[in-house]
Amino acid sequence: PDKVRAQYTEQSGHEFGELVEPEEKHNGGIDFYKKRKQEHRFFRSPSGAAAPSFTDTETGIVYLNADKEGDALWNAIVHEYVHGSGADARLAELPDAIIRPYEKKYLDKAAPGYRAKLEANPKMLRKEAAAEFGQEVGTNPKLRARIRNVNPTLWQKIVDHVRRLIGTARTKAEQRIIDEFAEKVDTTKAPKQSEPKFDK
């Protein structure tokens, strides 16, 4: 729809392109979303794999870039699921010391028009930053290890949240995620401060 195309271009700075049929490489993402009753589509942009995926804020439909594959596709699936599931609002409640760096990260890559919109709407920016954080926690084992050792209390909250999102593992990939998040916390390395920064 034209409205989706306009919203996508405003947010990403890329042309939307055309809706396309999924390919075999997309089966994991299709299965992930179908089992969670998350409506989704695939599109192909003139910008190729550089164009980001997208969630329509009005309908909640996820649009995945068909040119992405492997880790890039999984990153997009996780990021957009954080939005579509409403997890972005919950993660946005994490301490400023954690979320603020991701606000800057997201603003730095936002298209000029959308960046101005985000800067004028702190709540919207916070949710985008939360999705960015959720994506990285879900795909970066080094970040998980750092949070697990620095702030065990925060780590346990994240583990509980991931378990609620995934529920019972339906695939080996989902079980691997649950297993990684359920690793024992090393409380002997926890510092005195309760809200450390997790900058890179």
C-alpha atoms as a PDB file:
ATOM      1  CA  PRO A   1       0.000   0.000   0.000  1.00  0.00           C
ATOM      2  CA  ASP A   2       1.127   3.548  -0.718  1.00  0.00           C
ATOM      3  CA  LYS A   3       0.838   4.513   2.946  1.00  0.00           C
ATOM      4  CA  VAL A   4       3.260   1.752   3.954  1.00  0.00           C
ATOM      5  CA  ARG A   5       5.693   2.773   1.228  1.00  0.00           C
ATOM      6  CA  ALA A   6       5.672   6.383   2.411  1.00  0.00           C
ATOM      7  CA  GLN A   7       6.113   5.388   6.062  1.00  0.00           C
ATOM      8  CA  TYR A   8       8.978   3.070   5.159  1.00  0.00           C
ATOM      9  CA  THR A   9      10.831   5.684   3.107  1.00  0.00           C
ATOM     10  CA  GLU A  10      10.414   8.295   5.856  1.00  0.00           C
ATOM     11  CA  GLN A  11      11.877   5.962   8.472  1.00  0.00           C
ATOM     12  CA  SER A  12      14.630   4.288   6.480  1.00  0.00           C
ATOM     13  CA  GLY A  13      15.563   6.663   3.676  1.00  0.00           C
ATOM     14  CA  HIS A  14      15.234   3.724   1.235  1.00  0.00           C
ATOM     15  CA  GLU A  15      12.620   2.879  -1.383  1.00  0.00           C
ATOM     16  CA  PHE A  16      10.263   0.097  -0.352  1.00  0.00           C
ATOM     17  CA  GLY A  17      10.278  -1.705  -3.692  1.00  0.00           C
ATOM     18  CA  GLU A  18       7.847  -4.573  -4.228  1.00  0.00           C
ATOM     19  CA  LEU A  19       6.305  -7.370  -2.201  1.00  0.00           C
ATOM     20  CA  VAL A  20       7.724 -10.775  -3.157  1.00  0.00           C
ATOM     21  CA  GLU A  21       7.108 -14.427  -2.398  1.00  0.00           C
ATOM     22  CA  PRO A  22       9.393 -15.924   0.274  1.00  0.00           C
ATOM     23  CA  GLU A  23      12.246 -18.240  -0.660  1.00  0.00           C
ATOM     24  CA  GLU A  24      13.582 -21.369   1.000  1.00  0.00           C
ATOM     25  CA  LYS A  25      16.141 -19.342   2.993  1.00  0.00           C
ATOM     26  CA  HIS A  26      13.249 -17.541   4.681  1.00  0.00           C
ATOM     27  CA  ASN A  27      11.577 -20.679   6.079  1.00  0.00           C
ATOM     28  CA  GLY A  28      13.027 -20.209   9.576  1.00  0.00           C
ATOM     29  CA  GLY A  29      11.629 -16.698   9.840  1.00  0.00           C
ATOM     30  CA  ILE A  30       8.269 -17.762   8.423  1.00  0.00           C
ATOM     31  CA  ASP A  31       7.999 -20.564  10.962  1.00  0.00           C
ATOM     32  CA  PHE A  32       9.054 -18.257  13.806  1.00  0.00           C
ATOM     33  CA  TYR A  33       6.362 -15.689  12.998  1.00  0.00           C
ATOM     34  CA  LYS A  34       3.598 -18.125  12.079  1.00  0.00           C
ATOM     35  CA  LYS A  35       3.844 -19.967  15.376  1.00  0.00           C
ATOM     36  CA  ARG A  36       3.497 -16.620  17.156  1.00  0.00           C
ATOM     37  CA  LYS A  37       0.649 -15.490  14.900  1.00  0.00           C
ATOM     38  CA  GLN A  38       2.692 -12.491  13.778  1.00  0.00           C
ATOM     39  CA  GLU A  39       1.559 -11.293  10.350  1.00  0.00           C
ATOM     40  CA  HIS A  40       4.497 -10.711   8.034  1.00  0.00           C
ATOM     41  CA  ARG A  41       5.440 -10.024   4.413  1.00  0.00           C
ATOM     42  CA  PHE A  42       8.635 -10.079   2.360  1.00  0.00           C
ATOM     43  CA  PHE A  43       9.726  -7.248   0.090  1.00  0.00           C
ATOM     44  CA  ARG A  44      12.643  -6.474  -2.206  1.00  0.00           C
ATOM     45  CA  SER A  45      14.040  -2.931  -2.196  1.00  0.00           C
ATOM     46  CA  PRO A  46      16.155  -1.315  -4.964  1.00  0.00           C
ATOM     47  CA  SER A  47      18.741  -0.849  -2.175  1.00  0.00           C
ATOM     48  CA  GLY A  48      19.136  -4.615  -1.824  1.00  0.00           C
ATOM     49  CA  ALA A  49      20.239  -6.089   1.509  1.00  0.00           C
ATOM     50  CA  ALA A  50      21.180  -2.617   2.811  1.00  0.00           C
ATOM     51  CA  ALA A  51      17.503  -1.695   3.209  1.00  0.00           C
ATOM     52  CA  PRO A  52      16.229  -2.411   6.748  1.00  0.00           C
ATOM     53  CA  SER A  53      13.181  -4.463   7.625  1.00  0.00           C
ATOM     54  CA  PHE A  54      10.164  -2.657   9.033  1.00  0.00           C
ATOM     55  CA  THR A  55       7.053  -2.950  11.208  1.00  0.00           C
ATOM     56  CA  ASP A  56       3.945  -0.990  10.214  1.00  0.00           C
ATOM     57  CA  THR A  57       3.035   0.915  13.399  1.00  0.00           C
ATOM     58  CA  GLU A  58      -0.678   0.968  12.527  1.00  0.00           C
ATOM     59  CA  THR A  59      -1.287  -2.658  11.570  1.00  0.00           C
ATOM     60  CA  GLY A  60       1.614  -4.385  13.319  1.00  0.00           C
ATOM     61  CA  ILE A  61       2.521  -6.215  10.091  1.00  0.00           C
ATOM     62  CA  VAL A  62       6.235  -6.990   9.794  1.00  0.00           C
ATOM     63  CA  TYR A  63       7.924  -6.427   6.423  1.00  0.00           C
ATOM     64  CA  LEU A  64      11.176  -8.384   6.066  1.00  0.00           C
ATOM     65  CA  ASN A  65      13.806  -7.598   3.439  1.00  0.00           C
ATOM     66  CA  ALA A  66      13.944 -10.669   1.199  1.00  0.00           C
ATOM     67  CA  ASP A  67      17.579  -9.989   0.302  1.00  0.00           C
ATOM     68  CA  LYS A  68      18.811 -10.498   3.853  1.00  0.00           C
ATOM     69  CA  GLU A  69      20.019 -13.923   4.898  1.00  0.00           C
ATOM     70  CA  GLY A  70      21.893 -15.654   7.693  1.00  0.00           C
ATOM     71  CA  ASP A  71      22.728 -13.480  10.704  1.00  0.00           C
ATOM     72  CA  ALA A  72      21.434 -10.331   9.000  1.00  0.00           C
ATOM     73  CA  LEU A  73      18.020 -11.926   8.487  1.00  0.00           C
ATOM     74  CA  TRP A  74      17.932 -13.248  12.067  1.00  0.00           C
ATOM     75  CA  ASN A  75      18.839  -9.794  13.424  1.00  0.00           C
ATOM     76  CA  ALA A  76      15.918  -8.316  11.506  1.00  0.00           C
ATOM     77  CA  ILE A  77      13.547 -11.039  12.710  1.00  0.00           C
ATOM     78  CA  VAL A  78      14.480 -10.426  16.353  1.00  0.00           C
ATOM     79  CA  HIS A  79      14.360  -6.616  16.069  1.00  0.00           C
ATOM     80  CA  GLU A  80      10.943  -6.579  14.419  1.00  0.00           C
ATOM     81  CA  TYR A  81       9.578  -9.226  16.780  1.00  0.00           C
ATOM     82  CA  VAL A  82      10.565  -7.040  19.732  1.00  0.00           C
ATOM     83  CA  HIS A  83       8.378  -4.345  18.173  1.00  0.00           C
ATOM     84  CA  GLY A  84       5.525  -6.601  17.102  1.00  0.00           C
ATOM     85  CA  SER A  85       5.289  -8.417  20.450  1.00  0.00           C
ATOM     86  CA  GLY A  86       5.187  -5.207  22.467  1.00  0.00           C
ATOM     87  CA  ALA A  87       8.461  -6.132  24.167  1.00  0.00           C
ATOM     88  CA  ASP A  88       9.911  -2.771  23.141  1.00  0.00           C
ATOM     89  CA  ALA A  89       7.638  -1.004  25.649  1.00  0.00           C
ATOM     90  CA  ARG A  90       8.782  -3.304  28.463  1.00  0.00           C
ATOM     91  CA  LEU A  91      12.473  -3.113  27.595  1.00  0.00           C
ATOM     92  CA  ALA A  92      12.138   0.676  27.392  1.00  0.00           C
ATOM     93  CA  GLU A  93      11.649   0.625  31.173  1.00  0.00           C
ATOM     94  CA  LEU A  94      15.241  -0.547  31.716  1.00  0.00           C
ATOM     95  CA  PRO A  95      17.643   1.984  33.297  1.00  0.00           C
ATOM     96  CA  ASP A  96      18.847   4.954  31.240  1.00  0.00           C
ATOM     97  CA  ALA A  97      22.432   3.751  31.579  1.00  0.00           C
ATOM     98  CA  ILE A  98      21.505   0.743  29.425  1.00  0.00           C
ATOM     99  CA  ILE A  99      19.066   2.192  26.888  1.00  0.00           C
ATOM    100  CA  ARG A 100      20.545   5.646  26.237  1.00  0.00           C
ATOM    101  CA  PRO A 101      23.570   4.376  24.228  1.00  0.00           C
ATOM    102  CA  TYR A 102      21.143   2.573  21.917  1.00  0.00           C
ATOM    103  CA  GLU A 103      19.176   5.780  21.387  1.00  0.00           C
ATOM    104  CA  LYS A 104      22.306   7.382  19.953  1.00  0.00           C
ATOM    105  CA  LYS A 105      23.079   4.277  17.914  1.00  0.00           C
ATOM    106  CA  TYR A 106      19.614   4.306  16.360  1.00  0.00           C
ATOM    107  CA  LEU A 107      19.615   8.055  15.697  1.00  0.00           C
ATOM    108  CA  ASP A 108      22.984   7.806  13.945  1.00  0.00           C
ATOM    109  CA  LYS A 109      21.571   5.449  11.312  1.00  0.00           C
ATOM    110  CA  ALA A 110      18.071   6.946  10.988  1.00  0.00           C
ATOM    111  CA  ALA A 111      17.085   8.833   7.846  1.00  0.00           C
ATOM    112  CA  PRO A 112      17.175  12.649   8.396  1.00  0.00           C
ATOM    113  CA  GLY A 113      13.407  13.112   8.351  1.00  0.00           C
ATOM    114  CA  TYR A 114      12.743  10.234  10.713  1.00  0.00           C
ATOM    115  CA  ARG A 115      15.603  11.296  12.976  1.00  0.00           C
ATOM    116  CA  ALA A 116      13.946  14.686  13.461  1.00  0.00           C
ATOM    117  CA  LYS A 117      10.679  12.935  14.263  1.00  0.00           C
ATOM    118  CA  LEU A 118      12.371  10.704  16.837  1.00  0.00           C
ATOM    119  CA  GLU A 119      14.167  13.616  18.481  1.00  0.00           C
ATOM    120  CA  ALA A 120      10.804  15.338  18.877  1.00  0.00           C
ATOM    121  CA  ASN A 121       9.220  12.201  20.346  1.00  0.00           C
ATOM    122  CA  PRO A 122      11.349  10.738  23.183  1.00  0.00           C
ATOM    123  CA  LYS A 123       8.892   7.900  23.805  1.00  0.00           C
ATOM    124  CA  MET A 124       9.120   6.699  20.198  1.00  0.00           C
ATOM    125  CA  LEU A 125      12.922   6.978  20.288  1.00  0.00           C
ATOM    126  CA  ARG A 126      13.036   5.003  23.520  1.00  0.00           C
ATOM    127  CA  LYS A 127      11.069   2.139  21.962  1.00  0.00           C
ATOM    128  CA  GLU A 128      13.346   2.040  18.916  1.00  0.00           C
ATOM    129  CA  ALA A 129      16.381   1.994  21.197  1.00  0.00           C
ATOM    130  CA  ALA A 130      14.795  -0.779  23.263  1.00  0.00           C
ATOM    131  CA  ALA A 131      14.262  -2.868  20.130  1.00  0.00           C
ATOM    132  CA  GLU A 132      17.891  -2.245  19.172  1.00  0.00           C
ATOM    133  CA  PHE A 133      18.979  -3.435  22.619  1.00  0.00           C
ATOM    134  CA  GLY A 134      16.672  -6.456  22.461  1.00  0.00           C
ATOM    135  CA  GLN A 135      18.083  -7.405  19.084  1.00  0.00           C
ATOM    136  CA  GLU A 136      21.662  -7.199  20.311  1.00  0.00           C
ATOM    137  CA  VAL A 137      20.986  -9.131  23.500  1.00  0.00           C
ATOM    138  CA  GLY A 138      19.323 -11.808  21.406  1.00  0.00           C
ATOM    139  CA  THR A 139      22.183 -12.122  18.922  1.00  0.00           C
ATOM    140  CA  ASN A 140      25.382 -11.117  20.763  1.00  0.00           C
ATOM    141  CA  PRO A 141      26.686 -13.749  23.228  1.00  0.00           C
ATOM    142  CA  LYS A 142      29.493 -11.440  24.424  1.00  0.00           C
ATOM    143  CA  LEU A 143      26.968  -8.807  25.510  1.00  0.00           C
ATOM    144  CA  ARG A 144      24.926 -11.475  27.279  1.00  0.00           C
ATOM    145  CA  ALA A 145      28.018 -12.664  29.145  1.00  0.00           C
ATOM    146  CA  ARG A 146      28.881  -9.117  30.191  1.00  0.00           C
ATOM    147  CA  ILE A 147      25.405  -8.400  31.563  1.00  0.00           C
ATOM    148  CA  ARG A 148      25.254 -11.822  33.214  1.00  0.00           C
ATOM    149  CA  ASN A 149      28.459 -11.171  35.167  1.00  0.00           C
ATOM    150  CA  VAL A 150      28.074  -7.448  35.875  1.00  0.00           C
ATOM    151  CA  ASN A 151      24.423  -7.294  36.870  1.00  0.00           C
ATOM    152  CA  PRO A 152      22.886 -10.696  37.754  1.00  0.00           C
ATOM    153  CA  THR A 153      19.575  -9.131  38.813  1.00  0.00           C
ATOM    154  CA  LEU A 154      19.082  -7.419  35.459  1.00  0.00           C
ATOM    155  CA  TRP A 155      20.200 -10.568  33.659  1.00  0.00           C
ATOM    156  CA  GLN A 156      17.558 -12.660  35.419  1.00  0.00           C
ATOM    157  CA  LYS A 157      14.863 -10.169  34.349  1.00  0.00           C
ATOM    158  CA  ILE A 158      16.006 -10.483  30.749  1.00  0.00           C
ATOM    159  CA  VAL A 159      16.055 -14.291  30.973  1.00  0.00           C
ATOM    160  CA  ASP A 160      12.510 -14.331  32.348  1.00  0.00           C
ATOM    161  CA  HIS A 161      11.356 -12.008  29.588  1.00  0.00           C
ATOM    162  CA  VAL A 162      12.925 -14.116  26.833  1.00  0.00           C
ATOM    163  CA  ARG A 163      11.263 -17.224  28.239  1.00  0.00           C
ATOM    164  CA  ARG A 164       7.886 -15.463  28.179  1.00  0.00           C
ATOM    165  CA  LEU A 165       8.436 -14.381  24.578  1.00  0.00           C
ATOM    166  CA  ILE A 166       9.509 -17.795  23.316  1.00  0.00           C
ATOM    167  CA  GLY A 167       7.501 -20.003  25.627  1.00  0.00           C
ATOM    168  CA  THR A 168       8.067 -23.690  24.924  1.00  0.00           C
ATOM    169  CA  ALA A 169      10.836 -24.181  22.377  1.00  0.00           C
ATOM    170  CA  ARG A 170       9.455 -25.440  19.067  1.00  0.00           C
ATOM    171  CA  THR A 171      12.746 -25.735  17.180  1.00  0.00           C
ATOM    172  CA  LYS A 172      16.399 -26.487  17.943  1.00  0.00           C
ATOM    173  CA  ALA A 173      17.225 -22.833  17.281  1.00  0.00           C
ATOM    174  CA  GLU A 174      14.709 -21.654  19.879  1.00  0.00           C
ATOM    175  CA  GLN A 175      15.974 -24.207  22.416  1.00  0.00           C
ATOM    176  CA  ARG A 176      19.520 -22.960  21.817  1.00  0.00           C
ATOM    177  CA  ILE A 177      18.386 -19.406  22.593  1.00  0.00           C
ATOM    178  CA  ILE A 178      16.697 -20.511  25.821  1.00  0.00           C
ATOM    179  CA  ASP A 179      19.762 -22.540  26.819  1.00  0.00           C
ATOM    180  CA  GLU A 180      22.085 -19.581  26.210  1.00  0.00           C
ATOM    181  CA  PHE A 181      19.905 -17.252  28.241  1.00  0.00           C
ATOM    182  CA  ALA A 182      19.524 -19.759  31.052  1.00  0.00           C
ATOM    183  CA  GLU A 183      23.239 -20.129  31.765  1.00  0.00           C
ATOM    184  CA  LYS A 184      24.087 -19.833  35.433  1.00  0.00           C
ATOM    185  CA  VAL A 185      24.853 -16.319  36.649  1.00  0.00           C
ATOM    186  CA  ASP A 186      28.276 -15.838  38.230  1.00  0.00           C
ATOM    187  CA  THR A 187      27.300 -13.682  41.220  1.00  0.00           C
ATOM    188  CA  THR A 188      30.881 -13.495  42.480  1.00  0.00           C
ATOM    189  CA  LYS A 189      31.706 -10.973  39.737  1.00  0.00           C
ATOM    190  CA  ALA A 190      28.822  -8.621  40.431  1.00  0.00           C
ATOM    191  CA  PRO A 191      30.020  -5.100  41.347  1.00  0.00           C
ATOM    192  CA  LYS A 192      28.393  -2.871  43.929  1.00  0.00           C
ATOM    193  CA  GLN A 193      26.645  -0.556  41.469  1.00  0.00           C
ATOM    194  CA  SER A 194      23.199  -1.728  40.412  1.00  0.00           C
ATOM    195  CA  GLU A 195      22.948   0.061  37.068  1.00  0.00           C
ATOM    196  CA  PRO A 196      26.241  -0.290  35.194  1.00  0.00           C
ATOM    197  CA  LYS A 197      26.771   0.942  31.664  1.00  0.00           C
ATOM    198  CA  PHE A 198      27.012  -1.682  28.954  1.00  0.00           C
ATOM    199  CA  ASP A 199      28.661   0.405  26.262  1.00  0.00           C
ATOM    200  CA  LYS A 200      30.780  -1.368  23.684  1.00  0.00           C
END
